[in-house]
C-alpha atoms as a PDB file:
ATOM      1  CA  MET A   1      54.808 203.111 189.525  1.00  0.00           C
ATOM      2  CA  ASP A   2      54.189 199.541 188.459  1.00  0.00           C
ATOM      3  CA  GLU A   3      53.056 199.338 184.805  1.00  0.00           C
ATOM      4  CA  ARG A   4      50.082 197.179 185.741  1.00  0.00           C
ATOM      5  CA  LYS A   5      48.933 199.731 188.308  1.00  0.00           C
ATOM      6  CA  GLU A   6      49.264 202.507 185.752  1.00  0.00           C
ATOM      7  CA  LEU A   7      47.240 200.496 183.247  1.00  0.00           C
ATOM      8  CA  PHE A   8      44.354 199.937 185.644  1.00  0.00           C
ATOM      9  CA  ASP A   9      44.460 203.555 186.816  1.00  0.00           C
ATOM     10  CA  ALA A  10      44.023 204.504 183.156  1.00  0.00           C
ATOM     11  CA  TYR A  11      41.243 201.930 182.805  1.00  0.00           C
ATOM     12  CA  VAL A  12      39.143 203.454 185.602  1.00  0.00           C
ATOM     13  CA  ALA A  13      39.976 206.937 184.274  1.00  0.00           C
ATOM     14  CA  GLN A  14      38.499 205.846 180.933  1.00  0.00           C
ATOM     15  CA  TYR A  15      35.247 204.893 182.684  1.00  0.00           C
ATOM     16  CA  ASN A  16      35.207 208.140 184.652  1.00  0.00           C
ATOM     17  CA  ASN A  17      35.734 210.123 181.447  1.00  0.00           C
ATOM     18  CA  VAL A  18      32.936 208.344 179.580  1.00  0.00           C
ATOM     19  CA  LEU A  19      30.461 208.669 182.452  1.00  0.00           C
ATOM     20  CA  SER A  20      31.363 212.330 183.022  1.00  0.00           C
ATOM     21  CA  ARG A  21      30.693 213.171 179.370  1.00  0.00           C
ATOM     22  CA  MET A  22      27.795 210.833 178.644  1.00  0.00           C
ATOM     23  CA  GLY A  23      25.931 210.635 181.921  1.00  0.00           C
ATOM     24  CA  TYR A  24      24.359 207.357 183.014  1.00  0.00           C
ATOM     25  CA  PRO A  25      24.050 205.042 179.975  1.00  0.00           C
ATOM     26  CA  ALA A  26      21.767 202.383 181.486  1.00  0.00           C
ATOM     27  CA  LYS A  27      17.989 202.606 181.843  1.00  0.00           C
ATOM     28  CA  ASN A  28      16.075 201.756 185.017  1.00  0.00           C
ATOM     29  CA  SER A  29      18.866 199.646 186.450  1.00  0.00           C
ATOM     30  CA  THR A  30      22.341 199.594 187.827  1.00  0.00           C
ATOM     31  CA  GLY A  31      24.481 197.774 185.344  1.00  0.00           C
ATOM     32  CA  PHE A  32      26.266 198.092 182.044  1.00  0.00           C
ATOM     33  CA  THR A  33      26.748 195.289 179.516  1.00  0.00           C
ATOM     34  CA  GLU A  34      29.854 193.138 179.923  1.00  0.00           C
ATOM     35  CA  ARG A  35      31.179 194.156 176.506  1.00  0.00           C
ATOM     36  CA  ASN A  36      32.033 197.599 177.900  1.00  0.00           C
ATOM     37  CA  LEU A  37      34.606 196.003 180.226  1.00  0.00           C
ATOM     38  CA  SER A  38      36.656 194.461 177.433  1.00  0.00           C
ATOM     39  CA  VAL A  39      36.196 197.336 174.960  1.00  0.00           C
ATOM     40  CA  ASN A  40      37.313 200.019 177.413  1.00  0.00           C
ATOM     41  CA  PHE A  41      40.247 197.910 178.608  1.00  0.00           C
ATOM     42  CA  SER A  42      41.436 197.357 175.026  1.00  0.00           C
ATOM     43  CA  LYS A  43      41.183 201.091 174.252  1.00  0.00           C
ATOM     44  CA  VAL A  44      43.392 201.935 177.203  1.00  0.00           C
ATOM     45  CA  TYR A  45      45.873 199.132 176.580  1.00  0.00           C
ATOM     46  CA  GLU A  46      46.255 199.885 172.868  1.00  0.00           C
ATOM     47  CA  LYS A  47      46.735 203.581 173.562  1.00  0.00           C
ATOM     48  CA  LYS A  48      49.615 202.786 175.911  1.00  0.00           C
ATOM     49  CA  ASN A  49      51.000 200.027 173.683  1.00  0.00           C
ATOM     50  CA  PRO A  50      50.685 200.962 169.974  1.00  0.00           C
ATOM     51  CA  GLU A  51      51.802 197.511 168.789  1.00  0.00           C
ATOM     52  CA  ALA A  52      48.881 195.825 170.560  1.00  0.00           C
ATOM     53  CA  VAL A  53      45.753 194.650 168.742  1.00  0.00           C
ATOM     54  CA  SER A  54      42.462 193.177 170.007  1.00  0.00           C
ATOM     55  CA  TRP A  55      39.713 190.958 168.655  1.00  0.00           C
ATOM     56  CA  PHE A  56      36.327 190.452 170.288  1.00  0.00           C
ATOM     57  CA  GLU A  57      34.188 187.287 170.334  1.00  0.00           C
ATOM     58  CA  PHE A  58      37.120 185.213 169.108  1.00  0.00           C
ATOM     59  CA  GLN A  59      35.712 181.983 167.675  1.00  0.00           C
ATOM     60  CA  TRP A  60      37.079 178.559 168.578  1.00  0.00           C
ATOM     61  CA  GLY A  61      36.018 175.089 169.725  1.00  0.00           C
ATOM     62  CA  GLU A  62      35.632 171.695 168.092  1.00  0.00           C
ATOM     63  CA  ASN A  63      32.413 172.799 166.405  1.00  0.00           C
ATOM     64  CA  SER A  64      33.460 176.462 166.107  1.00  0.00           C
ATOM     65  CA  ASN A  65      30.666 177.351 168.507  1.00  0.00           C
ATOM     66  CA  GLU A  66      32.649 178.780 171.406  1.00  0.00           C
ATOM     67  CA  HIS A  67      33.900 182.334 171.844  1.00  0.00           C
ATOM     68  CA  ILE A  68      36.455 184.171 173.936  1.00  0.00           C
ATOM     69  CA  ASP A  69      35.262 187.668 174.848  1.00  0.00           C
ATOM     70  CA  MET A  70      38.554 189.262 173.819  1.00  0.00           C
ATOM     71  CA  VAL A  71      42.005 188.212 172.665  1.00  0.00           C
ATOM     72  CA  LEU A  72      44.568 190.993 173.067  1.00  0.00           C
ATOM     73  CA  LYS A  73      48.001 190.504 171.499  1.00  0.00           C
ATOM     74  CA  ASP A  74      50.873 192.880 172.244  1.00  0.00           C
ATOM     75  CA  VAL A  75      53.566 192.289 169.638  1.00  0.00           C
ATOM     76  CA  GLY A  76      55.872 194.823 171.287  1.00  0.00           C
ATOM     77  CA  SER A  77      56.036 193.056 174.658  1.00  0.00           C
ATOM     78  CA  ARG A  78      55.417 189.579 173.167  1.00  0.00           C
ATOM     79  CA  THR A  79      52.453 189.199 175.519  1.00  0.00           C
ATOM     80  CA  MET A  80      48.898 187.964 175.015  1.00  0.00           C
ATOM     81  CA  PHE A  81      45.796 188.264 177.192  1.00  0.00           C
ATOM     82  CA  ILE A  82      42.870 185.863 176.886  1.00  0.00           C
ATOM     83  CA  VAL A  83      40.018 187.833 178.443  1.00  0.00           C
ATOM     84  CA  GLU A  84      36.563 186.968 179.705  1.00  0.00           C
ATOM     85  CA  ALA A  85      34.242 189.674 181.056  1.00  0.00           C
ATOM     86  CA  LYS A  86      31.750 189.232 183.877  1.00  0.00           C
ATOM     87  CA  ARG A  87      29.113 191.336 185.630  1.00  0.00           C
ATOM     88  CA  PHE A  88      28.484 190.206 189.195  1.00  0.00           C
ATOM     89  CA  SER A  89      24.798 191.030 188.807  1.00  0.00           C
ATOM     90  CA  SER A  90      23.885 187.450 189.735  1.00  0.00           C
ATOM     91  CA  PRO A  91      26.856 186.412 191.889  1.00  0.00           C
ATOM     92  CA  SER A  92      26.329 182.654 192.131  1.00  0.00           C
ATOM     93  CA  GLY A  93      25.847 182.245 188.392  1.00  0.00           C
ATOM     94  CA  LYS A  94      28.832 184.443 187.557  1.00  0.00           C
ATOM     95  CA  ILE A  95      31.112 182.619 190.004  1.00  0.00           C
ATOM     96  CA  ALA A  96      30.222 179.346 188.273  1.00  0.00           C
ATOM     97  CA  SER A  97      30.882 181.010 184.924  1.00  0.00           C
ATOM     98  CA  ILE A  98      34.319 182.172 186.094  1.00  0.00           C
ATOM     99  CA  ALA A  99      35.117 178.589 187.097  1.00  0.00           C
ATOM    100  CA  SER A 100      34.222 177.523 183.575  1.00  0.00           C
ATOM    101  CA  ASP A 101      36.395 180.290 182.085  1.00  0.00           C
ATOM    102  CA  ILE A 102      39.366 179.235 184.215  1.00  0.00           C
ATOM    103  CA  LYS A 103      39.106 175.819 182.551  1.00  0.00           C
ATOM    104  CA  ARG A 104      38.322 177.132 179.063  1.00  0.00           C
ATOM    105  CA  ILE A 105      41.175 179.602 178.712  1.00  0.00           C
ATOM    106  CA  PRO A 106      43.979 176.977 178.801  1.00  0.00           C
ATOM    107  CA  GLU A 107      41.887 174.824 176.444  1.00  0.00           C
ATOM    108  CA  PHE A 108      41.719 177.742 174.000  1.00  0.00           C
ATOM    109  CA  VAL A 109      45.506 178.172 174.138  1.00  0.00           C
ATOM    110  CA  GLU A 110      46.023 174.434 173.607  1.00  0.00           C
ATOM    111  CA  GLU A 111      43.709 174.445 170.593  1.00  0.00           C
ATOM    112  CA  MET A 112      45.589 177.334 169.022  1.00  0.00           C
ATOM    113  CA  HIS A 113      48.887 175.488 169.615  1.00  0.00           C
ATOM    114  CA  SER A 114      47.713 172.244 168.077  1.00  0.00           C
ATOM    115  CA  SER A 115      45.838 173.570 165.054  1.00  0.00           C
ATOM    116  CA  GLU A 116      46.559 175.408 161.838  1.00  0.00           C
ATOM    117  CA  ARG A 117      45.758 178.618 163.737  1.00  0.00           C
ATOM    118  CA  PHE A 118      49.110 178.613 165.514  1.00  0.00           C
ATOM    119  CA  ASP A 119      49.832 182.049 164.063  1.00  0.00           C
ATOM    120  CA  VAL A 120      47.373 183.459 166.606  1.00  0.00           C
ATOM    121  CA  LEU A 121      49.962 182.735 169.322  1.00  0.00           C
ATOM    122  CA  GLU A 122      53.059 183.374 167.225  1.00  0.00           C
ATOM    123  CA  GLY A 123      55.535 185.606 169.042  1.00  0.00           C
ATOM    124  CA  ALA A 124      53.613 185.516 172.322  1.00  0.00           C
ATOM    125  CA  GLU A 125      56.133 184.442 174.945  1.00  0.00           C
ATOM    126  CA  CYS A 126      53.820 185.196 177.880  1.00  0.00           C
ATOM    127  CA  ILE A 127      50.128 184.302 177.760  1.00  0.00           C
ATOM    128  CA  TYR A 128      47.794 185.407 180.546  1.00  0.00           C
ATOM    129  CA  GLY A 129      44.245 184.537 181.378  1.00  0.00           C
ATOM    130  CA  MET A 130      42.224 187.511 182.604  1.00  0.00           C
ATOM    131  CA  ILE A 131      38.813 188.035 184.153  1.00  0.00           C
ATOM    132  CA  LEU A 132      37.515 191.594 183.845  1.00  0.00           C
ATOM    133  CA  ALA A 133      34.503 192.117 186.078  1.00  0.00           C
ATOM    134  CA  ASP A 134      32.381 194.747 187.759  1.00  0.00           C
ATOM    135  CA  VAL A 135      30.218 194.822 190.850  1.00  0.00           C
ATOM    136  CA  TRP A 136      27.691 197.206 192.378  1.00  0.00           C
ATOM    137  CA  VAL A 137      27.708 197.350 196.183  1.00  0.00           C
ATOM    138  CA  LYS A 138      25.064 199.121 198.258  1.00  0.00           C
ATOM    139  CA  LYS A 139      26.383 202.069 200.210  1.00  0.00           C
ATOM    140  CA  GLY A 140      26.355 201.203 203.896  1.00  0.00           C
ATOM    141  CA  GLY A 141      24.477 197.990 203.228  1.00  0.00           C
ATOM    142  CA  ARG A 142      24.782 194.764 205.148  1.00  0.00           C
ATOM    143  CA  THR A 143      27.511 192.310 204.273  1.00  0.00           C
ATOM    144  CA  GLY A 144      26.366 190.112 201.394  1.00  0.00           C
ATOM    145  CA  THR A 145      27.849 188.107 198.547  1.00  0.00           C
ATOM    146  CA  LYS A 146      28.687 191.176 196.463  1.00  0.00           C
ATOM    147  CA  LYS A 147      30.557 192.751 199.360  1.00  0.00           C
ATOM    148  CA  ARG A 148      32.381 189.453 199.925  1.00  0.00           C
ATOM    149  CA  ILE A 149      33.387 189.417 196.261  1.00  0.00           C
ATOM    150  CA  LEU A 150      34.652 192.997 196.441  1.00  0.00           C
ATOM    151  CA  LYS A 151      36.640 192.305 199.606  1.00  0.00           C
ATOM    152  CA  SER A 152      38.132 189.144 198.117  1.00  0.00           C
ATOM    153  CA  PHE A 153      39.440 191.089 195.112  1.00  0.00           C
ATOM    154  CA  LEU A 154      40.784 193.831 197.373  1.00  0.00           C
ATOM    155  CA  ASP A 155      42.521 191.199 199.524  1.00  0.00           C
ATOM    156  CA  GLY A 156      43.623 189.020 196.600  1.00  0.00           C
ATOM    157  CA  THR A 157      41.734 186.018 197.986  1.00  0.00           C
ATOM    158  CA  PHE A 158      38.870 185.422 195.536  1.00  0.00           C
ATOM    159  CA  LEU A 159      40.007 181.928 194.528  1.00  0.00           C
ATOM    160  CA  VAL A 160      40.513 180.915 198.149  1.00  0.00           C
ATOM    161  CA  GLY A 161      37.426 182.584 199.603  1.00  0.00           C
ATOM    162  CA  PHE A 162      35.101 181.224 196.919  1.00  0.00           C
ATOM    163  CA  ARG A 163      36.804 177.871 196.429  1.00  0.00           C
ATOM    164  CA  LYS A 164      33.661 175.927 197.377  1.00  0.00           C
ATOM    165  CA  GLU A 165      31.421 177.967 195.042  1.00  0.00           C
ATOM    166  CA  LEU A 166      33.930 177.651 192.192  1.00  0.00           C
ATOM    167  CA  GLY A 167      34.067 173.884 192.585  1.00  0.00           C
ATOM    168  CA  LEU A 168      37.577 173.637 191.122  1.00  0.00           C
ATOM    169  CA  GLU A 169      40.145 170.990 191.953  1.00  0.00           C
ATOM    170  CA  GLU A 170      43.500 172.091 193.349  1.00  0.00           C
ATOM    171  CA  ASN A 171      45.264 171.457 190.030  1.00  0.00           C
ATOM    172  CA  GLU A 172      42.692 173.560 188.170  1.00  0.00           C
ATOM    173  CA  LEU A 173      43.248 176.740 190.199  1.00  0.00           C
ATOM    174  CA  PRO A 174      45.375 179.478 188.632  1.00  0.00           C
ATOM    175  CA  VAL A 175      48.772 179.837 190.283  1.00  0.00           C
ATOM    176  CA  ASN A 176      49.724 183.186 191.864  1.00  0.00           C
ATOM    177  CA  PRO A 177      46.888 185.248 190.374  1.00  0.00           C
ATOM    178  CA  LEU A 178      47.183 189.040 190.373  1.00  0.00           C
ATOM    179  CA  TYR A 179      44.220 191.207 191.370  1.00  0.00           C
ATOM    180  CA  GLU A 180      43.250 194.793 190.681  1.00  0.00           C
ATOM    181  CA  THR A 181      40.279 196.765 192.048  1.00  0.00           C
ATOM    182  CA  ARG A 182      39.231 200.326 191.205  1.00  0.00           C
ATOM    183  CA  LYS A 183      36.227 202.385 192.332  1.00  0.00           C
ATOM    184  CA  VAL A 184      34.521 204.335 189.578  1.00  0.00           C
ATOM    185  CA  LYS A 185      33.271 207.870 190.238  1.00  0.00           C
ATOM    186  CA  ASP A 186      29.871 208.099 191.926  1.00  0.00           C
ATOM    187  CA  VAL A 187      27.191 207.226 189.392  1.00  0.00           C
ATOM    188  CA  SER A 188      24.488 206.188 191.850  1.00  0.00           C
ATOM    189  CA  SER A 189      23.248 207.635 195.126  1.00  0.00           C
ATOM    190  CA  VAL A 190      22.610 204.178 196.574  1.00  0.00           C
ATOM    191  CA  GLU A 191      25.370 201.949 195.184  1.00  0.00           C
ATOM    192  CA  ASP A 192      29.116 202.130 194.575  1.00  0.00           C
ATOM    193  CA  TYR A 193      30.508 200.795 191.318  1.00  0.00           C
ATOM    194  CA  TYR A 194      33.813 198.905 191.138  1.00  0.00           C
ATOM    195  CA  LEU A 195      35.948 197.487 188.347  1.00  0.00           C
ATOM    196  CA  LEU A 196      37.670 194.214 189.201  1.00  0.00           C
ATOM    197  CA  ALA A 197      40.352 192.160 187.480  1.00  0.00           C
ATOM    198  CA  MET A 198      42.134 188.878 188.041  1.00  0.00           C
ATOM    199  CA  MET A 199      44.965 187.663 185.826  1.00  0.00           C
ATOM    200  CA  TRP A 200      47.272 184.687 185.832  1.00  0.00           C
ATOM    201  CA  ARG A 201      50.024 183.165 183.707  1.00  0.00           C
ATOM    202  CA  VAL A 202      48.815 180.419 181.368  1.00  0.00           C
ATOM    203  CA  LYS A 203      52.006 179.948 179.356  1.00  0.00           C
END
């Protein structure tokens, strides 16, 4: 089996394990904080790749006032992932935020290259941008934006299908992005919960 498929199978298994043991960890709503996406992904990745390390809320920017949700560096495979996490709780706002992240991630890599913090990238021969997301979709509900988002990740067409909403120029779109979608065990009687991912080569 493809290593990426195995990784995301383990990622959804991590969610299933937590929810089976802990029950439903949100109050009066469907939705978990975005931080859980990056934290659970890093746990799974580091377990499979012992030479990998992660840092959350990685600070950068001209005024040191910007953050990347997670930077994951795998020394063993000489690979790095620059990760932003998104909940599609408010689809239009999150789509705009993803467009911003698609622009920001290469800017982060460029800043690391051109500053005294070059050691952050040292040894990383492949650098990927990654969006980790989740979405709740009503069981048997009418087609809406959330269902369109889910279908676009399943079909690998998110960037194409939401091109207008993203507002990105052709040269700003990631090239040959890879998509993964996994359904988490039933945690709601009215909505299904899915984990989504999109990744692309930055360097």
